[in-house]
Protein backbone atom coordinates (compact mmCIF):
# COMPACT_ATOMS: atom_id res chain seq x y z
CA MET A 1 0.00 0.00 0.00
CA LYS A 2 1.40 3.38 -1.02
CA VAL A 3 0.85 5.81 1.85
CA PRO A 4 -1.16 8.71 0.40
CA GLY A 5 0.85 11.58 1.94
CA LYS A 6 2.50 12.99 5.05
CA ARG A 7 -0.21 15.46 6.15
CA VAL A 8 -2.70 13.47 8.22
CA GLY A 9 -5.97 14.44 9.83
CA ILE A 10 -6.99 12.41 12.87
CA LEU A 11 -10.78 12.56 13.10
CA GLY A 12 -11.73 11.61 16.65
CA ILE A 13 -9.22 11.27 19.50
CA GLY A 14 -10.68 8.47 21.53
CA LYS A 15 -8.45 5.45 22.18
CA SER A 16 -7.67 4.62 18.56
CA GLY A 17 -7.34 8.23 17.39
CA PHE A 18 -5.09 9.13 20.31
CA GLU A 19 -2.75 6.18 19.79
CA SER A 20 -2.75 6.75 16.02
CA ALA A 21 -1.76 10.40 16.42
CA ARG A 22 1.12 9.46 18.74
CA PHE A 23 2.38 6.70 16.47
CA LEU A 24 2.12 8.62 13.20
CA LYS A 25 3.78 11.67 14.73
CA ALA A 26 6.74 9.46 15.66
CA GLN A 27 6.89 8.27 12.03
CA GLY A 28 7.35 11.86 10.83
CA TYR A 29 3.81 12.73 9.78
CA LYS A 30 2.40 16.23 10.23
CA ILE A 31 -0.77 15.74 12.30
CA PHE A 32 -3.96 17.74 12.72
CA ALA A 33 -6.26 16.09 15.28
CA SER A 34 -9.92 17.03 15.61
CA ASP A 35 -12.64 15.95 18.04
CA ALA A 36 -16.08 17.50 18.51
CA GLY A 37 -16.21 16.44 22.17
CA ALA A 38 -15.10 18.35 25.23
CA SER A 39 -15.08 15.87 28.12
CA GLN A 40 -12.36 16.03 30.78
CA GLY A 41 -10.74 12.84 29.54
CA LEU A 42 -10.75 14.14 25.98
CA LEU A 43 -9.16 17.44 27.00
CA GLU A 44 -6.42 15.55 28.86
CA ARG A 45 -5.67 13.48 25.76
CA ALA A 46 -5.61 16.66 23.68
CA GLN A 47 -3.06 18.21 26.05
CA SER A 48 -0.88 15.10 25.81
CA LEU A 49 -0.90 15.35 22.01
CA GLU A 50 -0.15 19.07 22.06
CA ALA A 51 2.87 18.36 24.27
CA LEU A 52 4.17 16.22 21.40
CA GLY A 53 3.82 19.13 18.98
CA ILE A 54 0.55 17.97 17.44
CA GLU A 55 -2.07 20.55 16.46
CA VAL A 56 -5.37 19.67 18.15
CA GLU A 57 -8.87 21.12 18.10
CA THR A 58 -11.72 20.10 20.43
CA GLY A 59 -15.39 21.00 20.63
CA ARG A 60 -15.77 21.13 16.85
CA HIS A 61 -14.57 19.79 13.51
CA THR A 62 -13.09 22.53 11.33
CA PRO A 63 -13.50 21.43 7.70
CA GLU A 64 -10.69 23.69 6.49
CA GLY A 65 -8.13 22.09 8.79
CA LEU A 66 -9.09 18.58 7.69
CA LEU A 67 -9.42 19.44 4.00
CA ASN A 68 -5.78 20.56 3.99
CA CYS A 69 -4.71 17.01 4.85
CA ASP A 70 -3.60 14.34 2.36
CA TRP A 71 -5.64 11.69 4.10
CA ILE A 72 -7.80 11.22 7.19
CA LEU A 73 -7.49 8.53 9.84
CA ILE A 74 -11.09 8.17 10.93
CA SER A 75 -12.05 6.80 14.33
CA PRO A 76 -14.90 4.26 14.67
CA GLY A 77 -16.94 6.82 16.62
CA ILE A 78 -17.49 9.07 13.60
CA ASN A 79 -20.91 8.33 12.10
CA PRO A 80 -21.08 8.35 8.28
CA ALA A 81 -24.23 10.47 8.59
CA SER A 82 -22.31 13.28 10.33
CA PRO A 83 -21.74 16.52 8.40
CA ILE A 84 -17.94 16.31 8.58
CA TYR A 85 -17.92 12.76 7.19
CA ARG A 86 -20.10 13.83 4.27
CA ILE A 87 -17.90 16.84 3.55
CA LEU A 88 -14.75 14.72 3.47
CA ARG A 89 -16.41 12.12 1.26
CA SER A 90 -17.63 14.79 -1.16
CA LYS A 91 -14.07 16.13 -1.48
CA LYS A 92 -12.79 12.57 -2.10
CA ILE A 93 -10.16 12.75 0.63
CA PRO A 94 -8.99 9.20 1.48
CA LEU A 95 -10.49 7.92 4.73
CA VAL A 96 -8.44 5.26 6.50
CA SER A 97 -9.12 3.27 9.66
CA GLU A 98 -6.58 2.69 12.41
CA ILE A 99 -6.55 -1.00 11.40
CA GLU A 100 -5.47 -0.08 7.87
CA ALA A 101 -2.76 2.33 9.03
CA ALA A 102 -1.40 -0.16 11.58
CA SER A 103 -1.17 -2.84 8.90
CA TRP A 104 1.30 -0.66 6.93
CA TYR A 105 3.78 -0.78 9.79
CA ALA A 106 3.12 -4.16 11.45
CA PRO A 107 6.39 -6.14 11.76
CA THR A 108 4.54 -9.46 11.64
CA LYS A 109 2.28 -11.06 9.04
CA LYS A 110 0.89 -13.60 11.50
CA ILE A 111 -2.42 -11.79 11.85
CA ILE A 112 -5.65 -13.53 12.82
CA ALA A 113 -8.56 -11.11 12.43
CA VAL A 114 -11.98 -11.77 13.95
CA THR A 115 -15.23 -10.06 13.01
CA GLY A 116 -18.94 -10.86 13.15
CA THR A 117 -22.19 -9.52 14.52
CA ALA A 118 -21.82 -11.34 17.84
CA GLY A 119 -19.08 -13.15 19.72
CA LYS A 120 -16.07 -11.18 18.46
CA THR A 121 -14.64 -10.31 21.86
CA THR A 122 -15.14 -13.78 23.31
CA VAL A 123 -13.52 -15.53 20.35
CA THR A 124 -10.69 -13.00 20.13
CA THR A 125 -9.97 -13.43 23.84
CA LEU A 126 -10.07 -17.22 23.59
CA LEU A 127 -7.76 -17.27 20.58
CA GLY A 128 -5.38 -15.02 22.47
CA ARG A 129 -5.29 -17.49 25.36
CA VAL A 130 -4.76 -20.43 22.99
CA PHE A 131 -1.95 -18.84 20.98
CA GLN A 132 -0.27 -17.37 24.04
CA LYS A 133 -0.28 -20.77 25.72
CA ALA A 134 1.05 -22.45 22.58
CA THR A 135 3.65 -19.93 21.44
CA GLY A 136 4.14 -17.35 24.18
CA LYS A 137 4.03 -14.74 21.41
CA ALA A 138 0.45 -13.55 20.95
CA ILE A 139 -0.82 -9.98 21.28
CA VAL A 140 -4.57 -9.40 21.54
CA CYS A 141 -5.69 -6.00 20.31
CA GLY A 142 -7.99 -4.01 18.02
CA ASN A 143 -11.65 -3.30 18.64
CA ILE A 144 -11.38 -5.26 21.87
CA GLY A 145 -10.17 -2.13 23.68
CA ASN A 146 -6.46 -1.59 22.95
CA PRO A 147 -5.73 -0.25 19.46
CA TRP A 148 -3.41 -2.29 17.26
CA ILE A 149 -1.39 0.77 16.30
CA GLY A 150 -0.53 1.36 19.96
CA GLU A 151 0.90 -2.18 20.25
CA LEU A 152 3.23 -2.04 17.23
CA GLY A 153 6.23 -0.94 19.29
CA ARG A 154 6.31 -4.19 21.26
CA MET A 155 5.77 -6.58 18.35
CA ASN A 156 8.34 -8.77 16.61
CA SER A 157 8.23 -10.57 13.29
CA ASP A 158 7.40 -13.93 14.90
CA ASP A 159 4.53 -12.65 17.08
CA PHE A 160 0.91 -13.59 16.45
CA VAL A 161 -1.60 -10.74 16.42
CA ILE A 162 -5.13 -11.70 17.45
CA LEU A 163 -7.19 -8.81 16.21
CA GLU A 164 -10.84 -7.94 16.77
CA VAL A 165 -12.18 -5.80 13.93
CA SER A 166 -15.53 -4.06 13.46
CA SER A 167 -17.47 -3.28 10.32
CA PHE A 168 -16.65 0.44 10.79
CA GLN A 169 -12.93 -0.31 10.76
CA LEU A 170 -13.14 -2.72 7.84
CA MET A 171 -15.09 -0.39 5.59
CA HIS A 172 -12.13 2.02 5.68
CA CYS A 173 -9.44 -0.55 4.83
CA GLN A 174 -7.76 -0.54 1.43
CA SER A 175 -4.99 -3.14 1.73
CA PHE A 176 -5.38 -4.90 5.11
CA ARG A 177 -4.56 -8.60 4.69
CA PRO A 178 -4.90 -11.01 7.62
CA ARG A 179 -3.30 -14.42 7.36
CA ALA A 180 -6.55 -15.83 8.79
CA GLY A 181 -9.88 -14.03 8.66
CA LEU A 182 -12.79 -15.25 10.82
CA LEU A 183 -16.31 -14.07 10.03
CA LEU A 184 -18.18 -15.56 12.98
CA ASN A 185 -21.74 -14.73 11.95
CA ILE A 186 -23.93 -12.13 10.27
CA SER A 187 -27.29 -10.71 11.30
CA PRO A 188 -28.85 -7.25 10.92
CA ASN A 189 -26.86 -4.71 12.93
CA HIS A 190 -25.67 -1.10 12.91
CA GLN A 191 -28.55 0.11 10.79
CA ASP A 192 -28.05 3.39 12.63
CA TRP A 193 -24.63 3.55 10.96
CA HIS A 194 -24.52 1.74 7.64
CA ARG A 195 -26.57 2.90 4.69
CA ASP A 196 -28.29 -0.47 4.52
CA PHE A 197 -27.77 -4.11 5.43
CA ARG A 198 -25.92 -4.78 2.16
CA GLU A 199 -23.29 -2.19 3.04
CA TYR A 200 -22.89 -3.83 6.45
CA VAL A 201 -22.37 -7.28 4.86
CA ASP A 202 -19.92 -5.85 2.32
CA ALA A 203 -17.94 -4.20 5.12
CA LYS A 204 -17.62 -7.55 6.88
CA LEU A 205 -16.58 -9.28 3.66
CA SER A 206 -13.76 -6.78 3.13
CA LEU A 207 -11.95 -8.88 5.74
CA PHE A 208 -11.21 -11.27 2.86
CA THR A 209 -10.72 -8.79 -0.01
CA HIS A 210 -6.92 -8.68 0.00
CA GLN A 211 -6.26 -12.28 1.02
CA GLY A 212 -4.61 -14.63 -1.42
CA PRO A 213 -3.09 -18.10 -1.69
CA GLY A 214 -1.68 -19.25 1.63
CA ASP A 215 -4.29 -17.34 3.63
CA PHE A 216 -7.33 -18.79 5.42
CA ALA A 217 -10.94 -17.58 5.25
CA LEU A 218 -13.26 -19.00 7.92
CA PHE A 219 -17.03 -18.51 8.02
CA ARG A 220 -20.35 -20.32 8.38
CA ARG A 221 -21.73 -22.17 5.37
CA SER A 222 -25.19 -21.01 6.41
CA ASP A 223 -24.07 -17.36 6.26
CA ARG A 224 -22.45 -17.83 2.88
CA ARG A 225 -25.61 -19.35 1.41
CA GLN A 226 -27.79 -16.58 2.76
CA TYR A 227 -25.65 -13.45 2.45
CA PHE A 228 -22.73 -13.90 0.03
CA PRO A 229 -23.24 -16.95 -2.23
CA GLN A 230 -21.43 -15.30 -5.16
CA TYR A 231 -18.43 -13.93 -3.24
CA HIS A 232 -15.13 -15.01 -4.76
CA PHE A 233 -12.46 -16.06 -2.28
CA ARG A 234 -8.78 -16.25 -3.17
CA ALA A 235 -7.80 -17.67 0.23
CA GLU A 236 -8.40 -21.28 1.25
CA ILE A 237 -11.90 -21.50 2.72
CA PHE A 238 -13.14 -23.34 5.82
CA GLU A 239 -16.76 -23.59 7.00
CA PHE A 240 -16.58 -24.04 10.74
CA ASP A 241 -20.31 -24.61 11.29
CA GLN A 242 -19.84 -27.96 9.54
CA LEU A 243 -17.83 -29.34 12.45
CA PRO A 244 -20.20 -31.71 14.27
CA ALA A 245 -21.57 -31.17 17.80
CA LEU A 246 -19.62 -27.99 18.51
CA ASP A 247 -20.75 -24.51 19.46
CA PRO A 248 -19.84 -22.38 16.39
CA ASN A 249 -17.58 -20.06 18.38
CA GLU A 250 -15.71 -23.00 19.86
CA ALA A 251 -15.53 -24.56 16.41
CA ALA A 252 -13.97 -21.36 15.03
CA VAL A 253 -11.36 -21.36 17.80
CA ARG A 254 -10.49 -25.03 17.37
CA LEU A 255 -10.28 -24.81 13.60
CA SER A 256 -8.07 -21.72 13.74
CA ALA A 257 -5.71 -23.47 16.15
CA ARG A 258 -5.58 -26.54 13.91
CA LEU A 259 -4.67 -24.44 10.86
CA PHE A 260 -1.65 -23.13 12.76
CA GLU A 261 -0.74 -26.61 14.05
CA ILE A 262 -1.47 -25.95 17.71
CA PRO A 263 -1.96 -29.22 19.62
CA GLU A 264 -5.50 -30.08 20.65
CA LYS A 265 -4.43 -30.58 24.28
CA THR A 266 -3.26 -26.95 24.37
CA VAL A 267 -6.62 -25.77 23.05
CA ASN A 268 -8.45 -27.93 25.60
CA ALA A 269 -6.40 -26.48 28.44
CA ALA A 270 -7.04 -22.88 27.34
CA LEU A 271 -10.77 -23.48 26.97
CA SER A 272 -11.07 -25.21 30.34
CA GLU A 273 -9.31 -22.31 32.10
CA PHE A 274 -11.39 -19.61 30.45
CA GLN A 275 -13.67 -17.84 32.95
CA GLY A 276 -15.39 -15.54 30.50
CA ILE A 277 -15.07 -11.77 30.02
CA GLU A 278 -16.47 -8.87 31.98
CA HIS A 279 -19.92 -7.67 30.88
CA ARG A 280 -20.53 -10.81 28.78
CA LEU A 281 -22.85 -13.21 30.64
CA GLU A 282 -20.97 -12.23 33.79
CA ARG A 283 -22.53 -13.72 36.90
CA VAL A 284 -22.64 -10.93 39.47
CA THR A 285 -24.18 -12.71 42.44
CA THR A 286 -27.11 -14.72 43.73
CA PHE A 287 -29.05 -12.51 46.11
CA GLN A 288 -32.18 -13.60 48.00
CA GLY A 289 -32.41 -16.62 45.70
CA VAL A 290 -32.23 -14.60 42.48
CA THR A 291 -29.19 -14.80 40.17
CA TYR A 292 -28.07 -11.52 38.60
CA ILE A 293 -26.19 -11.65 35.28
CA ASN A 294 -24.46 -8.71 33.65
CA ASP A 295 -24.54 -9.07 29.86
CA SER A 296 -24.18 -5.37 29.11
CA LYS A 297 -21.93 -6.14 26.14
CA CYS A 298 -25.02 -7.50 24.38
CA THR A 299 -25.82 -4.73 21.89
CA THR A 300 -27.51 -6.79 19.15
CA THR A 301 -30.35 -9.28 18.87
CA GLY A 302 -27.81 -11.89 17.80
CA SER A 303 -26.04 -11.49 21.15
CA LEU A 304 -29.37 -11.56 22.99
CA ALA A 305 -30.30 -14.82 21.27
CA TRP A 306 -26.95 -16.29 22.34
CA ALA A 307 -27.56 -15.23 25.95
CA LEU A 308 -31.17 -16.48 26.13
CA ASP A 309 -30.08 -19.81 24.73
CA LYS A 310 -27.89 -20.27 27.83
CA VAL A 311 -30.66 -19.86 30.47
CA PRO A 312 -33.57 -22.09 31.55
CA ALA A 313 -37.05 -21.56 30.10
CA LYS A 314 -39.44 -19.09 31.76
CA SER A 315 -37.02 -18.14 34.51
CA VAL A 316 -35.66 -14.87 33.12
CA VAL A 317 -36.53 -11.32 34.04
CA LEU A 318 -34.92 -9.54 31.12
CA ILE A 319 -33.74 -5.92 31.12
CA ALA A 320 -33.53 -4.74 27.51
CA GLY A 321 -33.34 -1.49 25.59
CA GLY A 322 -31.16 1.51 24.98
CA HIS A 323 -30.15 3.08 21.68
CA PRO A 324 -31.41 0.73 18.91
CA LYS A 325 -28.83 -0.27 16.31
CA SER A 326 -31.50 -1.92 14.15
CA ASP A 327 -35.22 -2.71 14.26
CA ASP A 328 -35.00 -6.49 14.06
CA PHE A 329 -36.16 -7.29 17.61
CA HIS A 330 -38.86 -9.61 16.27
CA ASN A 331 -36.06 -11.98 15.20
CA VAL A 332 -35.66 -13.19 18.79
CA GLY A 333 -39.40 -13.56 19.36
CA ARG A 334 -39.31 -17.34 19.74
CA LEU A 335 -36.64 -17.20 22.44
CA VAL A 336 -38.38 -14.36 24.26
CA ARG A 337 -41.58 -16.42 24.35
CA GLU A 338 -39.75 -19.53 25.56
CA LYS A 339 -37.31 -18.05 28.07
CA VAL A 340 -38.58 -14.71 29.40
CA LYS A 341 -41.19 -14.48 32.17
CA GLN A 342 -41.02 -10.67 32.29
CA ALA A 343 -39.20 -8.05 30.18
CA VAL A 344 -38.39 -4.59 31.52
CA LEU A 345 -37.92 -2.13 28.66
CA MET A 346 -35.83 1.02 28.86
CA GLY A 347 -34.34 3.76 26.70
CA GLU A 348 -35.02 4.90 23.16
CA ALA A 349 -35.83 1.39 21.98
CA ARG A 350 -38.90 0.97 24.20
CA PRO A 351 -41.52 1.48 21.43
CA LEU A 352 -39.69 -0.86 19.05
CA LEU A 353 -39.33 -3.55 21.71
CA ARG A 354 -42.96 -3.30 22.75
CA ARG A 355 -44.20 -3.68 19.18
CA ALA A 356 -41.90 -6.65 18.58
CA TRP A 357 -42.56 -8.51 21.85
CA GLU A 358 -46.17 -7.62 22.71
CA GLY A 359 -47.99 -10.86 23.55
CA LEU A 360 -44.81 -12.92 23.90
CA CYS A 361 -44.30 -12.15 27.59
CA PRO A 362 -45.43 -9.54 30.15
CA LEU A 363 -43.78 -6.17 29.48
CA SER A 364 -42.93 -3.30 31.82
CA GLU A 365 -41.30 0.03 31.02
CA ALA A 366 -38.85 2.06 33.07
CA ALA A 367 -37.99 5.74 32.82
CA ASN A 368 -34.30 5.26 33.59
CA PHE A 369 -31.72 2.56 34.15
CA ARG A 370 -31.92 2.34 37.94
CA GLU A 371 -35.69 2.07 37.75
CA ALA A 372 -35.32 -0.75 35.21
CA VAL A 373 -33.03 -2.72 37.55
CA GLU A 374 -35.28 -2.13 40.55
CA THR A 375 -38.36 -3.16 38.57
CA ALA A 376 -36.62 -6.35 37.49
CA ARG A 377 -35.80 -7.14 41.11
CA SER A 378 -39.44 -6.65 42.12
CA ARG A 379 -40.62 -9.09 39.41
CA ALA A 380 -38.13 -11.85 40.25
CA VAL A 381 -38.67 -14.69 42.75
CA PRO A 382 -36.17 -17.22 44.13
CA GLY A 383 -34.92 -19.43 41.33
CA ASP A 384 -35.21 -16.69 38.70
CA THR A 385 -32.44 -14.91 36.81
CA VAL A 386 -32.35 -11.15 36.30
CA LEU A 387 -30.52 -10.75 33.02
CA LEU A 388 -29.21 -7.41 31.80
CA SER A 389 -28.91 -8.19 28.09
CA PRO A 390 -30.00 -4.96 26.38
CA ALA A 391 -29.69 -5.86 22.66
CA CYS A 392 -29.03 -2.13 22.17
CA ALA A 393 -26.17 0.32 22.35
CA SER A 394 -25.79 2.32 25.56
CA PHE A 395 -25.34 5.79 24.09
CA ASP A 396 -28.76 7.14 25.05
CA MET A 397 -27.88 6.79 28.75
CA PHE A 398 -24.17 5.93 29.06
CA ASN A 399 -20.81 6.55 27.41
CA ASN A 400 -20.33 2.84 26.69
CA TYR A 401 -21.52 -0.64 27.61
CA GLU A 402 -18.82 -0.95 30.31
CA GLU A 403 -20.30 2.00 32.20
CA ARG A 404 -23.77 0.46 31.91
CA GLY A 405 -22.60 -2.91 33.20
CA ALA A 406 -20.63 -1.33 36.04
CA LEU A 407 -23.72 0.53 37.27
CA PHE A 408 -25.77 -2.67 37.14
CA LYS A 409 -23.23 -4.43 39.34
CA LYS A 410 -22.99 -1.46 41.69
CA ILE A 411 -26.77 -1.38 42.21
CA VAL A 412 -27.00 -5.11 42.90
CA ARG A 413 -24.08 -5.06 45.32
CA GLU A 414 -25.59 -2.08 47.15
CA TRP A 415 -28.67 -4.21 47.80
CA GLU A 416 -26.50 -7.05 49.12
CA ALA A 417 -24.55 -4.69 51.38
CA SER A 418 -27.71 -3.11 52.80
CA VAL A 419 -29.06 -6.52 53.82
CA THR A 420 -25.68 -7.67 55.17
CA HIS A 421 -25.37 -4.60 57.39
CA VAL A 422 -28.87 -4.74 58.86
């Protein structure tokens, strides 16, 4: 990939934008960083960049400053519907994701990239454990929380990179080529972001665009038949949902390990030791006979279906809602009918959820998050599970899903403490 020029605009200085600005500055680029936010954390990051000699603006996006750049590194938080995105597109300035830029400088080609509507973080984490146990040289990064570009300085040519990638990042890649690309699953998602479902699918498929002989493309046969039957692969293809009697995520992990000749006993050991990840079906406590589970990372109906499939029938008081990323809530109707004894609806998605689930189970609505959790507690009896599995983004009430999950745990533990201290 020929780098398009030395004057770079960094659009958004969250985690990936911040690390990208630091790295590219060290490579000799002239940087102009822009973020429309003005939070305390953002201002502190801006000051750190200014101390490095980087020009930074906050509280706005100045088109003139960005239009003077040769190319723009765009953060995942910038919505394609935003005015600044449309201006840059209309002027045909190249837009590049942090994943793309990091791939130009990565010292290793041993890259395993994971995407999909649901399960990305779990599978990425598991693969990291497997490859670390097998080789001692595996770095987990990307959309999972630590940008790839910020990890380049500690990588060597024989390291494995286990990389979680989102559709937003992939749609702004022009040459990114993973040795193994895993597309875990596809279902409607991010309709608040992508122009339509086809664009979302195409963004996911760009994981495979630059692969060639010697690379591996892993996906579900069922997804290929439904969503991309005509797609031409140049890499060797593997359909992991054809492995018998295995959860598809586990099948993807085991097949990936096999392709890189990792012994099965090593995979078994890593899987047996895995305790899960925070905010993903995280058991908080059992209090007064009711189990509380924090699944705040569930932001899609695909993730909700996965969660409901793991709990007993008619024992769940479900807390759902937030900022809707799509309107496909009817897709989980069968599981809601079978598993949910009461659903507490919150946030912007309440009307959509009510229309989709009316008649499937009793529905309640809450004006805010704390009220939703308290209502769920009041509807649960010993033996039940209160499940926070929102199937929506958190942005109408929180900065991110981690903040939402942390508050859920805080509320539940406050109840426990109040009883303990009586």
